[in-house]
PDB file of N, CA and C in Angstrom:
ATOM      1  N   UNK A   1      99.425 100.427  10.116  1.00  0.00           N
ATOM      2  CA  UNK A   1     100.045  99.152  10.561  1.00  0.00           C
ATOM      3  C   UNK A   1     100.345  98.130   9.363  1.00  0.00           C
ATOM      4  N   UNK A   2     101.431  98.528   8.805  1.00  0.00           N
ATOM      5  CA  UNK A   2     101.808  97.789   7.504  1.00  0.00           C
ATOM      6  C   UNK A   2     103.115  96.824   7.805  1.00  0.00           C
ATOM      7  N   UNK A   3     102.976  95.905   8.787  1.00  0.00           N
ATOM      8  CA  UNK A   3     104.199  95.102   9.194  1.00  0.00           C
ATOM      9  C   UNK A   3     104.083  93.688   8.484  1.00  0.00           C
ATOM     10  N   UNK A   4     103.103  93.543   7.615  1.00  0.00           N
ATOM     11  CA  UNK A   4     102.825  92.376   6.902  1.00  0.00           C
ATOM     12  C   UNK A   4     104.185  91.885   6.006  1.00  0.00           C
ATOM     13  N   UNK A   5     104.773  92.806   5.192  1.00  0.00           N
ATOM     14  CA  UNK A   5     106.020  92.501   4.403  1.00  0.00           C
ATOM     15  C   UNK A   5     107.147  91.962   5.388  1.00  0.00           C
ATOM     16  N   UNK A   6     107.195  92.890   6.433  1.00  0.00           N
ATOM     17  CA  UNK A   6     108.307  92.494   7.311  1.00  0.00           C
ATOM     18  C   UNK A   6     108.226  91.191   8.035  1.00  0.00           C
ATOM     19  N   UNK A   7     106.917  90.972   8.474  1.00  0.00           N
ATOM     20  CA  UNK A   7     106.752  89.506   9.075  1.00  0.00           C
ATOM     21  C   UNK A   7     107.026  88.432   8.101  1.00  0.00           C
ATOM     22  N   UNK A   8     106.767  88.431   6.800  1.00  0.00           N
ATOM     23  CA  UNK A   8     106.889  87.559   5.823  1.00  0.00           C
ATOM     24  C   UNK A   8     108.450  87.508   5.696  1.00  0.00           C
ATOM     25  N   UNK A   9     109.137  88.504   5.374  1.00  0.00           N
ATOM     26  CA  UNK A   9     110.562  88.440   5.330  1.00  0.00           C
ATOM     27  C   UNK A   9     111.313  87.641   6.412  1.00  0.00           C
ATOM     28  N   UNK A  10     110.845  88.032   7.694  1.00  0.00           N
ATOM     29  CA  UNK A  10     111.659  87.491   8.827  1.00  0.00           C
ATOM     30  C   UNK A  10     111.333  85.858   8.863  1.00  0.00           C
ATOM     31  N   UNK A  11     109.817  85.632   8.602  1.00  0.00           N
ATOM     32  CA  UNK A  11     109.674  84.217   8.556  1.00  0.00           C
ATOM     33  C   UNK A  11     110.378  83.364   7.377  1.00  0.00           C
ATOM     34  N   UNK A  12     110.578  84.108   6.380  1.00  0.00           N
ATOM     35  CA  UNK A  12     111.202  83.375   5.048  1.00  0.00           C
ATOM     36  C   UNK A  12     112.776  83.197   5.705  1.00  0.00           C
ATOM     37  N   UNK A  13     113.394  84.271   6.146  1.00  0.00           N
ATOM     38  CA  UNK A  13     114.723  84.160   6.517  1.00  0.00           C
ATOM     39  C   UNK A  13     114.963  83.106   7.630  1.00  0.00           C
ATOM     40  N   UNK A  14     113.978  83.086   8.591  1.00  0.00           N
ATOM     41  CA  UNK A  14     114.275  82.310   9.776  1.00  0.00           C
ATOM     42  C   UNK A  14     113.768  80.730   9.518  1.00  0.00           C
ATOM     43  N   UNK A  15     112.966  80.719   8.313  1.00  0.00           N
ATOM     44  CA  UNK A  15     112.586  79.423   7.888  1.00  0.00           C
ATOM     45  C   UNK A  15     111.320  78.782   8.718  1.00  0.00           C
ATOM     46  N   UNK A  16     110.597  79.809   9.252  1.00  0.00           N
ATOM     47  CA  UNK A  16     109.460  79.530   9.976  1.00  0.00           C
ATOM     48  C   UNK A  16     108.181  79.299   9.192  1.00  0.00           C
ATOM     49  N   UNK A  17     107.452  78.136   9.402  1.00  0.00           N
ATOM     50  CA  UNK A  17     106.199  77.822   8.585  1.00  0.00           C
ATOM     51  C   UNK A  17     105.037  78.173   9.586  1.00  0.00           C
ATOM     52  N   UNK A  18     104.165  78.929   9.047  1.00  0.00           N
ATOM     53  CA  UNK A  18     103.003  79.406   9.669  1.00  0.00           C
ATOM     54  C   UNK A  18     101.902  78.439   9.307  1.00  0.00           C
ATOM     55  N   UNK A  19     101.027  78.202  10.574  1.00  0.00           N
ATOM     56  CA  UNK A  19      99.854  77.481  10.224  1.00  0.00           C
ATOM     57  C   UNK A  19      98.947  78.235   9.236  1.00  0.00           C
ATOM     58  N   UNK A  20      98.018  77.459   8.716  1.00  0.00           N
ATOM     59  CA  UNK A  20      97.018  78.139   7.821  1.00  0.00           C
ATOM     60  C   UNK A  20      96.070  78.966   8.582  1.00  0.00           C
ATOM     61  N   UNK A  21      95.723  78.698   9.665  1.00  0.00           N
ATOM     62  CA  UNK A  21      94.747  79.533  10.492  1.00  0.00           C
ATOM     63  C   UNK A  21      95.473  80.795  10.809  1.00  0.00           C
ATOM     64  N   UNK A  22      96.657  80.731  11.198  1.00  0.00           N
ATOM     65  CA  UNK A  22      97.325  82.160  11.427  1.00  0.00           C
ATOM     66  C   UNK A  22      97.443  82.856  10.206  1.00  0.00           C
ATOM     67  N   UNK A  23      97.726  82.278   9.182  1.00  0.00           N
ATOM     68  CA  UNK A  23      97.929  82.990   7.836  1.00  0.00           C
ATOM     69  C   UNK A  23      96.430  83.692   7.460  1.00  0.00           C
ATOM     70  N   UNK A  24      95.436  82.970   7.815  1.00  0.00           N
ATOM     71  CA  UNK A  24      94.157  83.480   7.493  1.00  0.00           C
ATOM     72  C   UNK A  24      93.780  84.822   8.379  1.00  0.00           C
ATOM     73  N   UNK A  25      94.031  84.553   9.782  1.00  0.00           N
ATOM     74  CA  UNK A  25      93.783  85.595  10.590  1.00  0.00           C
ATOM     75  C   UNK A  25      94.688  86.846  10.236  1.00  0.00           C
ATOM     76  N   UNK A  26      95.945  86.620   9.758  1.00  0.00           N
ATOM     77  CA  UNK A  26      96.703  87.780   9.424  1.00  0.00           C
ATOM     78  C   UNK A  26      96.090  88.537   8.124  1.00  0.00           C
ATOM     79  N   UNK A  27      95.741  87.759   7.299  1.00  0.00           N
ATOM     80  CA  UNK A  27      94.999  88.475   5.960  1.00  0.00           C
ATOM     81  C   UNK A  27      93.714  89.137   6.410  1.00  0.00           C
ATOM     82  N   UNK A  28      92.806  88.461   7.301  1.00  0.00           N
ATOM     83  CA  UNK A  28      91.745  89.284   7.672  1.00  0.00           C
ATOM     84  C   UNK A  28      92.125  90.482   8.499  1.00  0.00           C
ATOM     85  N   UNK A  29      93.215  90.674   9.318  1.00  0.00           N
ATOM     86  CA  UNK A  29      93.520  91.811  10.020  1.00  0.00           C
ATOM     87  C   UNK A  29      94.096  92.806   8.966  1.00  0.00           C
ATOM     88  N   UNK A  30      94.783  92.320   8.015  1.00  0.00           N
ATOM     89  CA  UNK A  30      95.304  93.350   6.869  1.00  0.00           C
ATOM     90  C   UNK A  30      94.015  93.952   6.130  1.00  0.00           C
ATOM     91  N   UNK A  31      93.059  93.169   5.939  1.00  0.00           N
ATOM     92  CA  UNK A  31      91.760  93.625   5.276  1.00  0.00           C
ATOM     93  C   UNK A  31      91.020  94.581   6.058  1.00  0.00           C
ATOM     94  N   UNK A  32      91.084  94.417   7.401  1.00  0.00           N
ATOM     95  CA  UNK A  32      90.375  95.283   8.278  1.00  0.00           C
ATOM     96  C   UNK A  32      91.101  96.692   8.291  1.00  0.00           C
ATOM     97  N   UNK A  33      92.325  96.600   8.292  1.00  0.00           N
ATOM     98  CA  UNK A  33      93.189  97.831   8.304  1.00  0.00           C
ATOM     99  C   UNK A  33      92.936  98.628   6.928  1.00  0.00           C
ATOM    100  N   UNK A  34      92.859  97.873   6.058  1.00  0.00           N
ATOM    101  CA  UNK A  34      92.679  98.369   4.531  1.00  0.00           C
ATOM    102  C   UNK A  34      91.221  99.155   4.617  1.00  0.00           C
ATOM    103  N   UNK A  35      90.192  98.344   5.086  1.00  0.00           N
ATOM    104  CA  UNK A  35      88.934  99.042   5.196  1.00  0.00           C
ATOM    105  C   UNK A  35      88.972 100.338   5.925  1.00  0.00           C
ATOM    106  N   UNK A  36      89.465 100.333   7.112  1.00  0.00           N
ATOM    107  CA  UNK A  36      89.483 101.240   8.055  1.00  0.00           C
ATOM    108  C   UNK A  36      90.175 102.538   7.537  1.00  0.00           C
ATOM    109  N   UNK A  37      91.308 102.226   6.827  1.00  0.00           N
ATOM    110  CA  UNK A  37      91.950 103.397   6.257  1.00  0.00           C
ATOM    111  C   UNK A  37      91.318 104.101   5.062  1.00  0.00           C
ATOM    112  N   UNK A  38      90.614 103.165   4.351  1.00  0.00           N
ATOM    113  CA  UNK A  38      89.718 103.788   3.256  1.00  0.00           C
ATOM    114  C   UNK A  38      88.517 104.544   3.881  1.00  0.00           C
ATOM    115  N   UNK A  39      87.955 104.083   4.924  1.00  0.00           N
ATOM    116  CA  UNK A  39      86.930 104.921   5.441  1.00  0.00           C
ATOM    117  C   UNK A  39      87.327 106.269   6.062  1.00  0.00           C
ATOM    118  N   UNK A  40      88.423 106.350   6.652  1.00  0.00           N
ATOM    119  CA  UNK A  40      89.073 107.449   7.093  1.00  0.00           C
ATOM    120  C   UNK A  40      89.449 108.468   6.011  1.00  0.00           C
ATOM    121  N   UNK A  41      89.909 107.902   5.112  1.00  0.00           N
ATOM    122  CA  UNK A  41      90.204 108.711   3.817  1.00  0.00           C
ATOM    123  C   UNK A  41      88.955 109.274   3.197  1.00  0.00           C
ATOM    124  N   UNK A  42      87.893 108.504   3.141  1.00  0.00           N
ATOM    125  CA  UNK A  42      86.704 109.121   2.591  1.00  0.00           C
ATOM    126  C   UNK A  42      86.041 109.973   3.369  1.00  0.00           C
ATOM    127  N   UNK A  43      86.114 109.832   4.857  1.00  0.00           N
ATOM    128  CA  UNK A  43      85.529 110.699   5.625  1.00  0.00           C
ATOM    129  C   UNK A  43      86.304 112.107   5.691  1.00  0.00           C
ATOM    130  N   UNK A  44      87.546 112.052   5.600  1.00  0.00           N
ATOM    131  CA  UNK A  44      88.432 113.324   5.554  1.00  0.00           C
ATOM    132  C   UNK A  44      88.053 114.129   4.134  1.00  0.00           C
ATOM    133  N   UNK A  45      87.960 113.270   3.213  1.00  0.00           N
ATOM    134  CA  UNK A  45      87.618 113.887   1.802  1.00  0.00           C
ATOM    135  C   UNK A  45      86.268 114.395   1.668  1.00  0.00           C
ATOM    136  N   UNK A  46      85.232 113.763   2.305  1.00  0.00           N
ATOM    137  CA  UNK A  46      83.898 114.194   2.443  1.00  0.00           C
ATOM    138  C   UNK A  46      83.851 115.553   3.298  1.00  0.00           C
ATOM    139  N   UNK A  47      84.777 115.708   4.364  1.00  0.00           N
ATOM    140  CA  UNK A  47      84.789 116.794   5.260  1.00  0.00           C
ATOM    141  C   UNK A  47      85.358 117.916   4.376  1.00  0.00           C
ATOM    142  N   UNK A  48      86.351 117.565   3.447  1.00  0.00           N
ATOM    143  CA  UNK A  48      86.994 118.630   2.846  1.00  0.00           C
ATOM    144  C   UNK A  48      85.901 119.363   1.764  1.00  0.00           C
ATOM    145  N   UNK A  49      84.988 118.447   1.166  1.00  0.00           N
ATOM    146  CA  UNK A  49      83.925 118.963   0.180  1.00  0.00           C
ATOM    147  C   UNK A  49      82.541 119.260   0.867  1.00  0.00           C
ATOM    148  N   UNK A  50      82.724 119.464   2.237  1.00  0.00           N
ATOM    149  CA  UNK A  50      81.536 119.768   3.044  1.00  0.00           C
ATOM    150  C   UNK A  50      80.473 118.865   2.990  1.00  0.00           C
ATOM    151  N   UNK A  51      80.594 117.599   2.989  1.00  0.00           N
ATOM    152  CA  UNK A  51      79.618 116.698   3.315  1.00  0.00           C
ATOM    153  C   UNK A  51      79.627 115.972   4.589  1.00  0.00           C
ATOM    154  N   UNK A  52      79.266 116.914   5.544  1.00  0.00           N
ATOM    155  CA  UNK A  52      79.502 116.562   7.060  1.00  0.00           C
ATOM    156  C   UNK A  52      78.844 115.297   7.504  1.00  0.00           C
ATOM    157  N   UNK A  53      77.378 114.881   7.137  1.00  0.00           N
ATOM    158  CA  UNK A  53      77.039 113.674   7.705  1.00  0.00           C
ATOM    159  C   UNK A  53      77.921 112.444   7.277  1.00  0.00           C
ATOM    160  N   UNK A  54      78.317 112.325   5.972  1.00  0.00           N
ATOM    161  CA  UNK A  54      79.216 111.284   5.592  1.00  0.00           C
ATOM    162  C   UNK A  54      80.464 111.304   6.289  1.00  0.00           C
ATOM    163  N   UNK A  55      80.958 112.393   6.216  1.00  0.00           N
ATOM    164  CA  UNK A  55      82.396 112.649   6.961  1.00  0.00           C
ATOM    165  C   UNK A  55      82.386 112.140   8.280  1.00  0.00           C
ATOM    166  N   UNK A  56      81.366 112.324   9.186  1.00  0.00           N
ATOM    167  CA  UNK A  56      81.284 111.948  10.506  1.00  0.00           C
ATOM    168  C   UNK A  56      81.077 110.371  10.625  1.00  0.00           C
ATOM    169  N   UNK A  57      80.170 110.001   9.764  1.00  0.00           N
ATOM    170  CA  UNK A  57      80.008 108.535   9.874  1.00  0.00           C
ATOM    171  C   UNK A  57      81.215 107.643   9.428  1.00  0.00           C
ATOM    172  N   UNK A  58      81.820 108.199   8.314  1.00  0.00           N
ATOM    173  CA  UNK A  58      83.043 107.392   7.856  1.00  0.00           C
ATOM    174  C   UNK A  58      84.234 107.510   8.923  1.00  0.00           C
ATOM    175  N   UNK A  59      84.433 108.689   9.644  1.00  0.00           N
ATOM    176  CA  UNK A  59      85.472 108.876  10.333  1.00  0.00           C
ATOM    177  C   UNK A  59      85.175 108.176  11.696  1.00  0.00           C
ATOM    178  N   UNK A  60      83.991 108.073  12.253  1.00  0.00           N
ATOM    179  CA  UNK A  60      83.676 107.290  13.447  1.00  0.00           C
ATOM    180  C   UNK A  60      83.793 105.783  13.179  1.00  0.00           C
ATOM    181  N   UNK A  61      83.217 105.531  11.963  1.00  0.00           N
ATOM    182  CA  UNK A  61      83.410 104.013  11.756  1.00  0.00           C
ATOM    183  C   UNK A  61      84.832 103.443  11.530  1.00  0.00           C
ATOM    184  N   UNK A  62      85.497 104.309  10.913  1.00  0.00           N
ATOM    185  CA  UNK A  62      87.074 103.942  10.630  1.00  0.00           C
ATOM    186  C   UNK A  62      87.729 103.820  11.992  1.00  0.00           C
ATOM    187  N   UNK A  63      87.476 104.749  12.840  1.00  0.00           N
ATOM    188  CA  UNK A  63      88.185 104.864  14.344  1.00  0.00           C
ATOM    189  C   UNK A  63      87.732 103.682  15.039  1.00  0.00           C
ATOM    190  N   UNK A  64      86.436 103.355  14.912  1.00  0.00           N
ATOM    191  CA  UNK A  64      86.035 101.954  15.604  1.00  0.00           C
ATOM    192  C   UNK A  64      86.763 100.795  15.137  1.00  0.00           C
ATOM    193  N   UNK A  65      86.916 100.701  13.811  1.00  0.00           N
ATOM    194  CA  UNK A  65      87.657  99.509  13.331  1.00  0.00           C
ATOM    195  C   UNK A  65      89.111  99.613  13.835  1.00  0.00           C
ATOM    196  N   UNK A  66      89.786 100.659  13.754  1.00  0.00           N
ATOM    197  CA  UNK A  66      91.048 100.791  14.275  1.00  0.00           C
ATOM    198  C   UNK A  66      91.151 100.410  15.824  1.00  0.00           C
ATOM    199  N   UNK A  67      90.083 100.873  16.605  1.00  0.00           N
ATOM    200  CA  UNK A  67      90.137 100.466  17.914  1.00  0.00           C
ATOM    201  C   UNK A  67      89.990  99.056  18.264  1.00  0.00           C
ATOM    202  N   UNK A  68      89.237  98.453  17.361  1.00  0.00           N
ATOM    203  CA  UNK A  68      89.048  96.937  17.401  1.00  0.00           C
ATOM    204  C   UNK A  68      90.337  96.269  17.103  1.00  0.00           C
ATOM    205  N   UNK A  69      90.933  96.607  16.012  1.00  0.00           N
ATOM    206  CA  UNK A  69      92.105  95.657  15.585  1.00  0.00           C
ATOM    207  C   UNK A  69      93.376  96.164  16.172  1.00  0.00           C
ATOM    208  N   UNK A  70      93.567  97.299  16.877  1.00  0.00           N
ATOM    209  CA  UNK A  70      94.730  97.715  17.453  1.00  0.00           C
ATOM    210  C   UNK A  70      94.867  97.120  18.890  1.00  0.00           C
ATOM    211  N   UNK A  71      95.999  96.431  19.113  1.00  0.00           N
ATOM    212  CA  UNK A  71      96.035  96.124  20.554  1.00  0.00           C
ATOM    213  C   UNK A  71      96.297  97.032  21.601  1.00  0.00           C
TER     214      UNK A  71
END
């Protein structure tokens, strides 16, 4: 979910000013997605090099984060 640049462009073109609290929430959500994607990447990498406990922990945690932040 990388809609951050699109939303910024639309806001700039429309001349919309976003409150500080909304900007903070937007950045927090972007960081959650970044962390989750890194966890899923590390989980699949660990699975490829046969580190099963780490891969299952990372994949499950990454999927939990995605479930929390996705509508």
